[in-house]
PDB file of all heavy atoms in Angstrom:
ATOM      1  N   ALA A   1    -112.760 -24.071 -72.192  1.00  0.00           N
ATOM      2  CA  ALA A   1    -113.009 -22.631 -72.309  1.00  0.00           C
ATOM      3  C   ALA A   1    -114.108 -22.365 -73.335  1.00  0.00           C
ATOM      4  O   ALA A   1    -114.988 -21.526 -73.109  1.00  0.00           O
ATOM      5  CB  ALA A   1    -111.734 -21.897 -72.690  1.00  0.00           C
ATOM      6  N   GLU A   2    -114.076 -23.077 -74.465  1.00  0.00           N
ATOM      7  CA  GLU A   2    -115.120 -22.900 -75.477  1.00  0.00           C
ATOM      8  C   GLU A   2    -116.482 -23.303 -74.934  1.00  0.00           C
ATOM      9  O   GLU A   2    -117.484 -22.603 -75.166  1.00  0.00           O
ATOM     10  CB  GLU A   2    -114.803 -23.742 -76.721  1.00  0.00           C
ATOM     11  CG  GLU A   2    -113.672 -23.207 -77.549  1.00  0.00           C
ATOM     12  CD  GLU A   2    -113.307 -24.125 -78.703  1.00  0.00           C
ATOM     13  OE1 GLU A   2    -113.692 -25.324 -78.682  1.00  0.00           O
ATOM     14  OE2 GLU A   2    -112.650 -23.642 -79.633  1.00  0.00           O
ATOM     15  N   LYS A   3    -116.536 -24.404 -74.197  1.00  0.00           N
ATOM     16  CA  LYS A   3    -117.812 -24.881 -73.660  1.00  0.00           C
ATOM     17  C   LYS A   3    -118.352 -23.944 -72.587  1.00  0.00           C
ATOM     18  O   LYS A   3    -119.551 -23.662 -72.552  1.00  0.00           O
ATOM     19  CB  LYS A   3    -117.662 -26.299 -73.121  1.00  0.00           C
ATOM     20  CG  LYS A   3    -117.488 -27.313 -74.236  1.00  0.00           C
ATOM     21  CD  LYS A   3    -117.219 -28.695 -73.712  1.00  0.00           C
ATOM     22  CE  LYS A   3    -116.980 -29.642 -74.878  1.00  0.00           C
ATOM     23  NZ  LYS A   3    -116.554 -30.964 -74.436  1.00  0.00           N
ATOM     24  N   GLU A   4    -117.473 -23.452 -71.716  1.00  0.00           N
ATOM     25  CA  GLU A   4    -117.939 -22.511 -70.689  1.00  0.00           C
ATOM     26  C   GLU A   4    -118.363 -21.183 -71.306  1.00  0.00           C
ATOM     27  O   GLU A   4    -119.309 -20.557 -70.840  1.00  0.00           O
ATOM     28  CB  GLU A   4    -116.861 -22.295 -69.632  1.00  0.00           C
ATOM     29  CG  GLU A   4    -116.763 -23.434 -68.660  1.00  0.00           C
ATOM     30  CD  GLU A   4    -115.999 -23.085 -67.400  1.00  0.00           C
ATOM     31  OE1 GLU A   4    -115.887 -21.881 -67.069  1.00  0.00           O
ATOM     32  OE2 GLU A   4    -115.531 -24.026 -66.742  1.00  0.00           O
ATOM     33  N   LEU A   5    -117.674 -20.763 -72.340  1.00  0.00           N
ATOM     34  CA  LEU A   5    -118.054 -19.534 -73.033  1.00  0.00           C
ATOM     35  C   LEU A   5    -119.461 -19.672 -73.611  1.00  0.00           C
ATOM     36  O   LEU A   5    -120.285 -18.764 -73.494  1.00  0.00           O
ATOM     37  CB  LEU A   5    -117.049 -19.223 -74.141  1.00  0.00           C
ATOM     38  CG  LEU A   5    -117.294 -17.981 -74.988  1.00  0.00           C
ATOM     39  CD1 LEU A   5    -117.188 -16.728 -74.132  1.00  0.00           C
ATOM     40  CD2 LEU A   5    -116.296 -17.917 -76.120  1.00  0.00           C
ATOM     41  N   ALA A   6    -119.750 -20.821 -74.203  1.00  0.00           N
ATOM     42  CA  ALA A   6    -121.075 -21.051 -74.774  1.00  0.00           C
ATOM     43  C   ALA A   6    -122.127 -21.237 -73.687  1.00  0.00           C
ATOM     44  O   ALA A   6    -123.236 -20.700 -73.789  1.00  0.00           O
ATOM     45  CB  ALA A   6    -121.042 -22.271 -75.688  1.00  0.00           C
ATOM     46  N   TYR A   7    -121.802 -21.981 -72.648  1.00  0.00           N
ATOM     47  CA  TYR A   7    -122.783 -22.303 -71.624  1.00  0.00           C
ATOM     48  C   TYR A   7    -123.177 -21.090 -70.794  1.00  0.00           C
ATOM     49  O   TYR A   7    -124.348 -20.856 -70.546  1.00  0.00           O
ATOM     50  CB  TYR A   7    -122.247 -23.400 -70.706  1.00  0.00           C
ATOM     51  CG  TYR A   7    -123.243 -23.859 -69.679  1.00  0.00           C
ATOM     52  CD1 TYR A   7    -124.266 -24.720 -70.025  1.00  0.00           C
ATOM     53  CD2 TYR A   7    -123.168 -23.420 -68.358  1.00  0.00           C
ATOM     54  CE1 TYR A   7    -125.186 -25.141 -69.087  1.00  0.00           C
ATOM     55  CE2 TYR A   7    -124.075 -23.830 -67.416  1.00  0.00           C
ATOM     56  CZ  TYR A   7    -125.090 -24.700 -67.778  1.00  0.00           C
ATOM     57  OH  TYR A   7    -126.010 -25.099 -66.849  1.00  0.00           O
ATOM     58  N   TYR A   8    -122.195 -20.320 -70.352  1.00  0.00           N
ATOM     59  CA  TYR A   8    -122.483 -19.164 -69.498  1.00  0.00           C
ATOM     60  C   TYR A   8    -122.765 -17.903 -70.302  1.00  0.00           C
ATOM     61  O   TYR A   8    -123.036 -16.860 -69.721  1.00  0.00           O
ATOM     62  CB  TYR A   8    -121.329 -18.915 -68.518  1.00  0.00           C
ATOM     63  CG  TYR A   8    -121.221 -19.994 -67.480  1.00  0.00           C
ATOM     64  CD1 TYR A   8    -120.164 -20.871 -67.479  1.00  0.00           C
ATOM     65  CD2 TYR A   8    -122.198 -20.143 -66.514  1.00  0.00           C
ATOM     66  CE1 TYR A   8    -120.060 -21.868 -66.532  1.00  0.00           C
ATOM     67  CE2 TYR A   8    -122.114 -21.132 -65.561  1.00  0.00           C
ATOM     68  CZ  TYR A   8    -121.043 -21.996 -65.576  1.00  0.00           C
ATOM     69  OH  TYR A   8    -120.957 -22.985 -64.633  1.00  0.00           O
ATOM     70  N   ARG A   9    -122.673 -17.990 -71.611  1.00  0.00           N
ATOM     71  CA  ARG A   9    -122.959 -16.852 -72.501  1.00  0.00           C
ATOM     72  C   ARG A   9    -122.187 -15.609 -72.056  1.00  0.00           C
ATOM     73  O   ARG A   9    -122.765 -14.541 -71.828  1.00  0.00           O
ATOM     74  CB  ARG A   9    -124.452 -16.563 -72.549  1.00  0.00           C
ATOM     75  CG  ARG A   9    -125.262 -17.686 -73.099  1.00  0.00           C
ATOM     76  CD  ARG A   9    -126.729 -17.312 -73.171  1.00  0.00           C
ATOM     77  NE  ARG A   9    -127.522 -18.471 -73.487  1.00  0.00           N
ATOM     78  CZ  ARG A   9    -128.223 -19.158 -72.599  1.00  0.00           C
ATOM     79  NH1 ARG A   9    -128.214 -18.784 -71.330  1.00  0.00           N
ATOM     80  NH2 ARG A   9    -128.931 -20.196 -72.959  1.00  0.00           N
ATOM     81  N   ALA A  10    -120.904 -15.747 -71.939  1.00  0.00           N
ATOM     82  CA  ALA A  10    -120.050 -14.643 -71.498  1.00  0.00           C
ATOM     83  C   ALA A  10    -120.146 -13.484 -72.486  1.00  0.00           C
ATOM     84  O   ALA A  10    -120.100 -13.678 -73.696  1.00  0.00           O
ATOM     85  CB  ALA A  10    -118.606 -15.111 -71.368  1.00  0.00           C
ATOM     86  N   GLN A  11    -120.292 -12.289 -71.972  1.00  0.00           N
ATOM     87  CA  GLN A  11    -120.478 -11.101 -72.798  1.00  0.00           C
ATOM     88  C   GLN A  11    -119.178 -10.349 -73.052  1.00  0.00           C
ATOM     89  O   GLN A  11    -119.155  -9.433 -73.859  1.00  0.00           O
ATOM     90  CB  GLN A  11    -121.493 -10.160 -72.131  1.00  0.00           C
ATOM     91  CG  GLN A  11    -122.842 -10.794 -71.905  1.00  0.00           C
ATOM     92  CD  GLN A  11    -123.493 -11.213 -73.214  1.00  0.00           C
ATOM     93  OE1 GLN A  11    -123.452 -10.487 -74.191  1.00  0.00           O
ATOM     94  NE2 GLN A  11    -124.074 -12.398 -73.231  1.00  0.00           N
ATOM     95  N   ASP A  12    -118.131 -10.723 -72.368  1.00  0.00           N
ATOM     96  CA  ASP A  12    -116.859 -10.020 -72.473  1.00  0.00           C
ATOM     97  C   ASP A  12    -116.184 -10.343 -73.809  1.00  0.00           C
ATOM     98  O   ASP A  12    -115.919 -11.500 -74.125  1.00  0.00           O
ATOM     99  CB  ASP A  12    -115.963 -10.449 -71.315  1.00  0.00           C
ATOM    100  CG  ASP A  12    -114.728  -9.586 -71.186  1.00  0.00           C
ATOM    101  OD1 ASP A  12    -114.564  -8.650 -71.983  1.00  0.00           O
ATOM    102  OD2 ASP A  12    -113.930  -9.857 -70.267  1.00  0.00           O
ATOM    103  N   SER A  13    -115.905  -9.318 -74.588  1.00  0.00           N
ATOM    104  CA  SER A  13    -115.280  -9.543 -75.898  1.00  0.00           C
ATOM    105  C   SER A  13    -113.845 -10.040 -75.764  1.00  0.00           C
ATOM    106  O   SER A  13    -113.357 -10.773 -76.627  1.00  0.00           O
ATOM    107  CB  SER A  13    -115.316  -8.260 -76.724  1.00  0.00           C
ATOM    108  OG  SER A  13    -114.563  -7.253 -76.092  1.00  0.00           O
ATOM    109  N   LEU A  14    -113.166  -9.675 -74.687  1.00  0.00           N
ATOM    110  CA  LEU A  14    -111.798 -10.140 -74.479  1.00  0.00           C
ATOM    111  C   LEU A  14    -111.761 -11.654 -74.282  1.00  0.00           C
ATOM    112  O   LEU A  14    -110.848 -12.321 -74.768  1.00  0.00           O
ATOM    113  CB  LEU A  14    -111.169  -9.431 -73.275  1.00  0.00           C
ATOM    114  CG  LEU A  14    -109.735  -9.812 -72.944  1.00  0.00           C
ATOM    115  CD1 LEU A  14    -108.808  -9.529 -74.128  1.00  0.00           C
ATOM    116  CD2 LEU A  14    -109.260  -9.089 -71.716  1.00  0.00           C
ATOM    117  N   VAL A  15    -112.757 -12.206 -73.602  1.00  0.00           N
ATOM    118  CA  VAL A  15    -112.815 -13.651 -73.402  1.00  0.00           C
ATOM    119  C   VAL A  15    -112.960 -14.354 -74.746  1.00  0.00           C
ATOM    120  O   VAL A  15    -112.280 -15.350 -75.022  1.00  0.00           O
ATOM    121  CB  VAL A  15    -113.973 -14.032 -72.458  1.00  0.00           C
ATOM    122  CG1 VAL A  15    -114.141 -15.540 -72.372  1.00  0.00           C
ATOM    123  CG2 VAL A  15    -113.748 -13.449 -71.079  1.00  0.00           C
ATOM    124  N   LYS A  16    -113.801 -13.823 -75.595  1.00  0.00           N
ATOM    125  CA  LYS A  16    -113.990 -14.413 -76.927  1.00  0.00           C
ATOM    126  C   LYS A  16    -112.697 -14.331 -77.734  1.00  0.00           C
ATOM    127  O   LYS A  16    -112.326 -15.281 -78.436  1.00  0.00           O
ATOM    128  CB  LYS A  16    -115.126 -13.703 -77.659  1.00  0.00           C
ATOM    129  CG  LYS A  16    -116.470 -13.914 -76.999  1.00  0.00           C
ATOM    130  CD  LYS A  16    -117.549 -13.103 -77.661  1.00  0.00           C
ATOM    131  CE  LYS A  16    -118.858 -13.230 -76.891  1.00  0.00           C
ATOM    132  NZ  LYS A  16    -119.905 -12.363 -77.410  1.00  0.00           N
ATOM    133  N   ASP A  17    -111.998 -13.212 -77.636  1.00  0.00           N
ATOM    134  CA  ASP A  17    -110.718 -13.062 -78.331  1.00  0.00           C
ATOM    135  C   ASP A  17    -109.669 -14.040 -77.799  1.00  0.00           C
ATOM    136  O   ASP A  17    -108.896 -14.609 -78.576  1.00  0.00           O
ATOM    137  CB  ASP A  17    -110.196 -11.633 -78.196  1.00  0.00           C
ATOM    138  CG  ASP A  17    -111.045 -10.620 -78.940  1.00  0.00           C
ATOM    139  OD1 ASP A  17    -111.818 -11.036 -79.832  1.00  0.00           O
ATOM    140  OD2 ASP A  17    -110.939  -9.419 -78.625  1.00  0.00           O
ATOM    141  N   LEU A  18    -109.640 -14.226 -76.473  1.00  0.00           N
ATOM    142  CA  LEU A  18    -108.673 -15.151 -75.879  1.00  0.00           C
ATOM    143  C   LEU A  18    -108.925 -16.593 -76.324  1.00  0.00           C
ATOM    144  O   LEU A  18    -107.989 -17.323 -76.647  1.00  0.00           O
ATOM    145  CB  LEU A  18    -108.720 -15.067 -74.355  1.00  0.00           C
ATOM    146  CG  LEU A  18    -108.090 -13.845 -73.714  1.00  0.00           C
ATOM    147  CD1 LEU A  18    -108.365 -13.834 -72.216  1.00  0.00           C
ATOM    148  CD2 LEU A  18    -106.609 -13.804 -73.971  1.00  0.00           C
ATOM    149  N   VAL A  19    -110.191 -16.989 -76.355  1.00  0.00           N
ATOM    150  CA  VAL A  19    -110.514 -18.353 -76.775  1.00  0.00           C
ATOM    151  C   VAL A  19    -110.168 -18.543 -78.248  1.00  0.00           C
ATOM    152  O   VAL A  19    -109.602 -19.571 -78.636  1.00  0.00           O
ATOM    153  CB  VAL A  19    -111.998 -18.672 -76.488  1.00  0.00           C
ATOM    154  CG1 VAL A  19    -112.402 -19.993 -77.118  1.00  0.00           C
ATOM    155  CG2 VAL A  19    -112.246 -18.699 -74.991  1.00  0.00           C
ATOM    156  N   ALA A  20    -110.475 -17.547 -79.076  1.00  0.00           N
ATOM    157  CA  ALA A  20    -110.146 -17.646 -80.500  1.00  0.00           C
ATOM    158  C   ALA A  20    -108.629 -17.705 -80.713  1.00  0.00           C
ATOM    159  O   ALA A  20    -108.144 -18.486 -81.542  1.00  0.00           O
ATOM    160  CB  ALA A  20    -110.745 -16.462 -81.259  1.00  0.00           C
ATOM    161  N   GLU A  21    -107.891 -16.903 -79.958  1.00  0.00           N
ATOM    162  CA  GLU A  21    -106.427 -16.910 -80.070  1.00  0.00           C
ATOM    163  C   GLU A  21    -105.855 -18.246 -79.594  1.00  0.00           C
ATOM    164  O   GLU A  21    -104.929 -18.790 -80.213  1.00  0.00           O
ATOM    165  CB  GLU A  21    -105.838 -15.761 -79.248  1.00  0.00           C
ATOM    166  CG  GLU A  21    -104.363 -15.586 -79.385  1.00  0.00           C
ATOM    167  CD  GLU A  21    -103.942 -14.995 -80.713  1.00  0.00           C
ATOM    168  OE1 GLU A  21    -104.754 -14.343 -81.384  1.00  0.00           O
ATOM    169  OE2 GLU A  21    -102.762 -15.209 -81.085  1.00  0.00           O
ATOM    170  N   ALA A  22    -106.409 -18.791 -78.512  1.00  0.00           N
ATOM    171  CA  ALA A  22    -105.936 -20.089 -78.023  1.00  0.00           C
ATOM    172  C   ALA A  22    -106.226 -21.185 -79.046  1.00  0.00           C
ATOM    173  O   ALA A  22    -105.386 -22.058 -79.276  1.00  0.00           O
ATOM    174  CB  ALA A  22    -106.617 -20.417 -76.696  1.00  0.00           C
ATOM    175  N   GLN A  23    -107.379 -21.121 -79.672  1.00  0.00           N
ATOM    176  CA  GLN A  23    -107.736 -22.121 -80.686  1.00  0.00           C
ATOM    177  C   GLN A  23    -106.793 -22.033 -81.886  1.00  0.00           C
ATOM    178  O   GLN A  23    -106.378 -23.046 -82.424  1.00  0.00           O
ATOM    179  CB  GLN A  23    -109.191 -21.919 -81.130  1.00  0.00           C
ATOM    180  CG  GLN A  23    -109.706 -22.957 -82.082  1.00  0.00           C
ATOM    181  CD  GLN A  23    -109.817 -24.330 -81.441  1.00  0.00           C
ATOM    182  OE1 GLN A  23    -110.005 -24.451 -80.245  1.00  0.00           O
ATOM    183  NE2 GLN A  23    -109.667 -25.364 -82.234  1.00  0.00           N
ATOM    184  N   SER A  24    -106.439 -20.816 -82.278  1.00  0.00           N
ATOM    185  CA  SER A  24    -105.559 -20.660 -83.436  1.00  0.00           C
ATOM    186  C   SER A  24    -104.112 -21.081 -83.129  1.00  0.00           C
ATOM    187  O   SER A  24    -103.398 -21.540 -84.007  1.00  0.00           O
ATOM    188  CB  SER A  24    -105.589 -19.226 -83.948  1.00  0.00           C
ATOM    189  OG  SER A  24    -104.976 -18.358 -83.018  1.00  0.00           O
ATOM    190  N   ARG A  25    -103.675 -20.932 -81.863  1.00  0.00           N
ATOM    191  CA  ARG A  25    -102.303 -21.275 -81.496  1.00  0.00           C
ATOM    192  C   ARG A  25    -102.137 -22.737 -81.088  1.00  0.00           C
ATOM    193  O   ARG A  25    -101.015 -23.198 -80.895  1.00  0.00           O
ATOM    194  CB  ARG A  25    -101.833 -20.405 -80.333  1.00  0.00           C
ATOM    195  CG  ARG A  25    -101.575 -18.990 -80.730  1.00  0.00           C
ATOM    196  CD  ARG A  25    -101.101 -18.213 -79.529  1.00  0.00           C
ATOM    197  NE  ARG A  25    -100.980 -16.810 -79.860  1.00  0.00           N
ATOM    198  CZ  ARG A  25     -99.892 -16.107 -79.638  1.00  0.00           C
ATOM    199  NH1 ARG A  25     -98.850 -16.657 -79.081  1.00  0.00           N
ATOM    200  NH2 ARG A  25     -99.858 -14.836 -79.959  1.00  0.00           N
ATOM    201  N   LEU A  26    -103.228 -23.449 -80.955  1.00  0.00           N
ATOM    202  CA  LEU A  26    -103.181 -24.811 -80.445  1.00  0.00           C
ATOM    203  C   LEU A  26    -102.258 -25.743 -81.232  1.00  0.00           C
ATOM    204  O   LEU A  26    -101.434 -26.433 -80.625  1.00  0.00           O
ATOM    205  CB  LEU A  26    -104.599 -25.385 -80.371  1.00  0.00           C
ATOM    206  CG  LEU A  26    -104.777 -26.678 -79.609  1.00  0.00           C
ATOM    207  CD1 LEU A  26    -104.305 -26.524 -78.187  1.00  0.00           C
ATOM    208  CD2 LEU A  26    -106.234 -27.069 -79.617  1.00  0.00           C
ATOM    209  N   PRO A  27    -102.307 -25.776 -82.566  1.00  0.00           N
ATOM    210  CA  PRO A  27    -101.428 -26.727 -83.268  1.00  0.00           C
ATOM    211  C   PRO A  27     -99.933 -26.381 -83.192  1.00  0.00           C
ATOM    212  O   PRO A  27     -99.098 -27.267 -83.046  1.00  0.00           O
ATOM    213  CB  PRO A  27    -101.899 -26.673 -84.719  1.00  0.00           C
ATOM    214  CG  PRO A  27    -103.141 -25.880 -84.739  1.00  0.00           C
ATOM    215  CD  PRO A  27    -103.221 -25.117 -83.475  1.00  0.00           C
ATOM    216  N   LYS A  28     -99.600 -25.093 -83.267  1.00  0.00           N
ATOM    217  CA  LYS A  28     -98.182 -24.734 -83.343  1.00  0.00           C
ATOM    218  C   LYS A  28     -97.552 -24.362 -82.003  1.00  0.00           C
ATOM    219  O   LYS A  28     -96.352 -24.494 -81.834  1.00  0.00           O
ATOM    220  CB  LYS A  28     -97.995 -23.602 -84.356  1.00  0.00           C
ATOM    221  CG  LYS A  28     -98.769 -22.342 -84.047  1.00  0.00           C
ATOM    222  CD  LYS A  28     -98.608 -21.300 -85.130  1.00  0.00           C
ATOM    223  CE  LYS A  28     -99.417 -20.076 -84.842  1.00  0.00           C
ATOM    224  NZ  LYS A  28    -100.741 -20.078 -85.399  1.00  0.00           N
ATOM    225  N   ASP A  29     -98.344 -23.883 -81.046  1.00  0.00           N
ATOM    226  CA  ASP A  29     -97.801 -23.464 -79.750  1.00  0.00           C
ATOM    227  C   ASP A  29     -98.771 -23.855 -78.633  1.00  0.00           C
ATOM    228  O   ASP A  29     -99.502 -23.013 -78.095  1.00  0.00           O
ATOM    229  CB  ASP A  29     -97.564 -21.953 -79.766  1.00  0.00           C
ATOM    230  CG  ASP A  29     -96.706 -21.492 -78.606  1.00  0.00           C
ATOM    231  OD1 ASP A  29     -96.243 -22.348 -77.823  1.00  0.00           O
ATOM    232  OD2 ASP A  29     -96.485 -20.269 -78.495  1.00  0.00           O
ATOM    233  N   PRO A  30     -98.799 -25.141 -78.243  1.00  0.00           N
ATOM    234  CA  PRO A  30     -99.781 -25.573 -77.244  1.00  0.00           C
ATOM    235  C   PRO A  30     -99.546 -24.977 -75.854  1.00  0.00           C
ATOM    236  O   PRO A  30    -100.491 -24.825 -75.089  1.00  0.00           O
ATOM    237  CB  PRO A  30     -99.630 -27.097 -77.224  1.00  0.00           C
ATOM    238  CG  PRO A  30     -98.307 -27.378 -77.809  1.00  0.00           C
ATOM    239  CD  PRO A  30     -98.005 -26.251 -78.739  1.00  0.00           C
TER     240      PRO A  30
END
């Protein structure tokens, strides 16, 4: 998701929020 977000330069702020939230939850809630 991070790589596709960077590659396709997604403009949707919700997508950026979802990726950031997934990254923050990765260690405790995979």
